[in-house]
Each structure stands twice: as structure tokens, then as C-alpha cells.
N, C-alpha and C. Protein backbone atom coordinates (compact mmCIF):
# COMPACT_ATOMS: atom_id res chain seq x y z
N MET A 1 242.07 29.11 83.85
CA MET A 1 242.22 30.07 82.77
C MET A 1 242.68 29.36 81.50
N PHE A 2 243.66 28.45 81.64
CA PHE A 2 244.17 27.77 80.45
C PHE A 2 243.10 26.91 79.81
N ASN A 3 242.33 26.22 80.64
CA ASN A 3 241.27 25.37 80.08
C ASN A 3 240.21 26.19 79.37
N ALA A 4 239.88 27.34 79.91
CA ALA A 4 238.90 28.22 79.26
C ALA A 4 239.45 28.69 77.91
N ALA A 5 240.73 29.04 77.88
CA ALA A 5 241.34 29.48 76.62
C ALA A 5 241.34 28.34 75.62
N LYS A 6 241.68 27.16 76.06
CA LYS A 6 241.73 26.01 75.17
C LYS A 6 240.36 25.70 74.59
N GLU A 7 239.35 25.75 75.43
CA GLU A 7 238.00 25.41 74.99
C GLU A 7 237.39 26.48 74.10
N SER A 8 237.78 27.74 74.29
CA SER A 8 237.16 28.80 73.52
C SER A 8 237.86 29.10 72.19
N LEU A 9 239.09 28.63 72.04
CA LEU A 9 239.84 28.89 70.81
C LEU A 9 239.68 27.74 69.82
N PRO A 10 239.39 28.07 68.57
CA PRO A 10 239.43 27.01 67.56
C PRO A 10 240.86 26.47 67.47
N HIS A 11 240.99 25.22 67.12
CA HIS A 11 242.29 24.57 67.08
C HIS A 11 243.28 25.32 66.20
N ASP A 12 242.81 25.85 65.08
CA ASP A 12 243.72 26.53 64.14
C ASP A 12 244.19 27.90 64.64
N LEU A 13 243.65 28.39 65.75
CA LEU A 13 244.09 29.67 66.30
C LEU A 13 244.95 29.53 67.55
N ARG A 14 245.18 28.32 68.00
CA ARG A 14 245.93 28.12 69.24
C ARG A 14 247.38 28.53 69.13
N GLU A 15 248.03 28.21 68.01
CA GLU A 15 249.42 28.61 67.83
C GLU A 15 249.53 30.13 67.72
N ILE A 16 248.55 30.74 67.08
CA ILE A 16 248.53 32.21 66.96
C ILE A 16 248.36 32.85 68.33
N ALA A 17 247.48 32.30 69.13
CA ALA A 17 247.27 32.84 70.48
C ALA A 17 248.55 32.72 71.31
N PHE A 18 249.25 31.59 71.16
CA PHE A 18 250.51 31.41 71.88
C PHE A 18 251.55 32.42 71.38
N ALA A 19 251.57 32.67 70.09
CA ALA A 19 252.52 33.64 69.53
C ALA A 19 252.24 35.04 70.07
N VAL A 20 250.98 35.41 70.16
CA VAL A 20 250.62 36.73 70.68
C VAL A 20 251.02 36.83 72.16
N ALA A 21 250.74 35.80 72.93
CA ALA A 21 251.12 35.80 74.35
C ALA A 21 252.64 35.90 74.50
N THR A 22 253.36 35.16 73.66
CA THR A 22 254.82 35.20 73.71
C THR A 22 255.33 36.58 73.35
N ASP A 23 254.74 37.19 72.34
CA ASP A 23 255.12 38.54 71.94
C ASP A 23 254.92 39.53 73.08
N LEU A 24 253.83 39.41 73.78
CA LEU A 24 253.56 40.31 74.91
C LEU A 24 254.55 40.09 76.05
N VAL A 25 254.88 38.84 76.32
CA VAL A 25 255.85 38.54 77.38
C VAL A 25 257.21 39.13 77.04
N LEU A 26 257.60 39.05 75.78
CA LEU A 26 258.93 39.51 75.36
C LEU A 26 259.00 41.01 75.07
N ALA A 27 257.88 41.69 75.11
CA ALA A 27 257.83 43.09 74.70
C ALA A 27 258.75 44.00 75.52
N ASP A 28 258.96 43.70 76.79
CA ASP A 28 259.80 44.57 77.62
C ASP A 28 261.27 44.16 77.61
N GLY A 29 261.59 43.11 76.84
CA GLY A 29 262.98 42.71 76.69
C GLY A 29 263.51 41.78 77.76
N THR A 30 262.70 41.45 78.74
CA THR A 30 263.11 40.51 79.78
C THR A 30 262.02 39.47 79.98
N VAL A 31 262.44 38.30 80.42
CA VAL A 31 261.48 37.23 80.71
C VAL A 31 261.78 36.74 82.13
N THR A 32 260.82 36.95 83.01
CA THR A 32 260.98 36.47 84.39
C THR A 32 260.70 34.98 84.45
N GLU A 33 261.06 34.37 85.54
CA GLU A 33 260.77 32.95 85.73
C GLU A 33 259.27 32.71 85.71
N GLU A 34 258.52 33.62 86.30
CA GLU A 34 257.06 33.50 86.31
C GLU A 34 256.50 33.55 84.88
N GLU A 35 257.03 34.45 84.05
CA GLU A 35 256.58 34.54 82.66
C GLU A 35 256.96 33.28 81.89
N GLN A 36 258.15 32.76 82.13
CA GLN A 36 258.58 31.52 81.47
C GLN A 36 257.66 30.37 81.85
N ASN A 37 257.33 30.28 83.13
CA ASN A 37 256.41 29.24 83.59
C ASN A 37 255.03 29.39 82.95
N PHE A 38 254.59 30.63 82.81
CA PHE A 38 253.30 30.91 82.16
C PHE A 38 253.31 30.40 80.73
N LEU A 39 254.36 30.73 79.97
CA LEU A 39 254.43 30.29 78.58
C LEU A 39 254.51 28.76 78.48
N ASN A 40 255.26 28.14 79.38
CA ASN A 40 255.34 26.68 79.39
C ASN A 40 253.97 26.06 79.65
N ASP A 41 253.28 26.58 80.64
CA ASP A 41 251.95 26.06 80.96
C ASP A 41 250.97 26.31 79.82
N LEU A 42 251.08 27.48 79.19
CA LEU A 42 250.15 27.84 78.13
C LEU A 42 250.29 26.95 76.91
N TYR A 43 251.52 26.73 76.44
CA TYR A 43 251.65 25.90 75.23
C TYR A 43 251.16 24.48 75.49
N GLN A 44 251.40 23.99 76.69
CA GLN A 44 250.94 22.64 77.02
C GLN A 44 249.42 22.60 77.10
N ALA A 45 248.82 23.61 77.73
CA ALA A 45 247.36 23.64 77.85
C ALA A 45 246.68 23.77 76.50
N LEU A 46 247.34 24.48 75.58
CA LEU A 46 246.76 24.67 74.25
C LEU A 46 247.03 23.48 73.33
N GLY A 47 247.81 22.52 73.81
CA GLY A 47 248.07 21.33 73.01
C GLY A 47 249.05 21.56 71.87
N ILE A 48 249.95 22.52 72.05
CA ILE A 48 250.95 22.83 71.03
C ILE A 48 252.19 21.98 71.33
N SER A 49 252.80 21.43 70.29
CA SER A 49 254.00 20.62 70.51
C SER A 49 255.14 21.50 71.02
N SER A 50 256.05 20.88 71.75
CA SER A 50 257.18 21.64 72.29
C SER A 50 258.06 22.19 71.16
N GLU A 51 258.15 21.47 70.05
CA GLU A 51 258.95 21.95 68.92
C GLU A 51 258.36 23.22 68.32
N ILE A 52 257.07 23.23 68.12
CA ILE A 52 256.40 24.43 67.57
C ILE A 52 256.48 25.58 68.55
N ALA A 53 256.26 25.29 69.83
CA ALA A 53 256.33 26.35 70.85
C ALA A 53 257.72 26.97 70.87
N LEU A 54 258.75 26.15 70.78
CA LEU A 54 260.12 26.66 70.77
C LEU A 54 260.37 27.52 69.53
N GLN A 55 259.88 27.10 68.38
CA GLN A 55 260.03 27.90 67.17
C GLN A 55 259.34 29.25 67.32
N ILE A 56 258.15 29.25 67.89
CA ILE A 56 257.42 30.50 68.09
C ILE A 56 258.21 31.42 69.01
N VAL A 57 258.73 30.88 70.11
CA VAL A 57 259.51 31.69 71.05
C VAL A 57 260.75 32.24 70.36
N GLN A 58 261.42 31.43 69.55
CA GLN A 58 262.61 31.90 68.86
C GLN A 58 262.29 33.03 67.88
N VAL A 59 261.22 32.88 67.13
CA VAL A 59 260.84 33.93 66.18
C VAL A 59 260.45 35.21 66.90
N MET A 60 259.70 35.10 67.97
CA MET A 60 259.30 36.28 68.72
C MET A 60 260.51 36.93 69.40
N SER A 61 261.49 36.14 69.81
CA SER A 61 262.71 36.70 70.38
C SER A 61 263.46 37.51 69.35
N ILE A 62 263.55 37.02 68.14
CA ILE A 62 264.21 37.76 67.06
C ILE A 62 263.43 39.04 66.77
N LYS A 63 262.12 38.95 66.71
CA LYS A 63 261.26 40.11 66.44
C LYS A 63 261.46 41.21 67.48
N ASN A 64 261.57 40.81 68.73
CA ASN A 64 261.68 41.80 69.80
C ASN A 64 263.11 42.14 70.08
């Protein structure tokens, strides 16, 4: 699934896709270990740096 997402998304939309996924994970106010693992795997599969991924998670946490 991650490879399909990576191949189908233009490079400039990968961070946005990660932000949307993070927003959906955080929407219910809790993050399970499975969801955390999903987000970790996703940012790596999309080739997003850990620093950017962390910033996205922090912003989405504030938003939610």
C-alpha cells in the first residue's frame, strides 16, 4: 500500500498526503500504537524527513 501511494503521488503532494493521514488519525483524540506505527511507516515510505514529519504531527495535534 505504501509503495503504491508513493508511486502514485507527485513528490510535492507527499507531505500534504501525510498531513491528511495524520489529521485523520488524530481526529478522535487518541492515537493507538497501531496508528502510530502506521504514521511512522507512512512518512518513511513517502520519503519525508523525520523532522518534517514531526512538525506535521505537532501542527495536527494542535489543530485537533
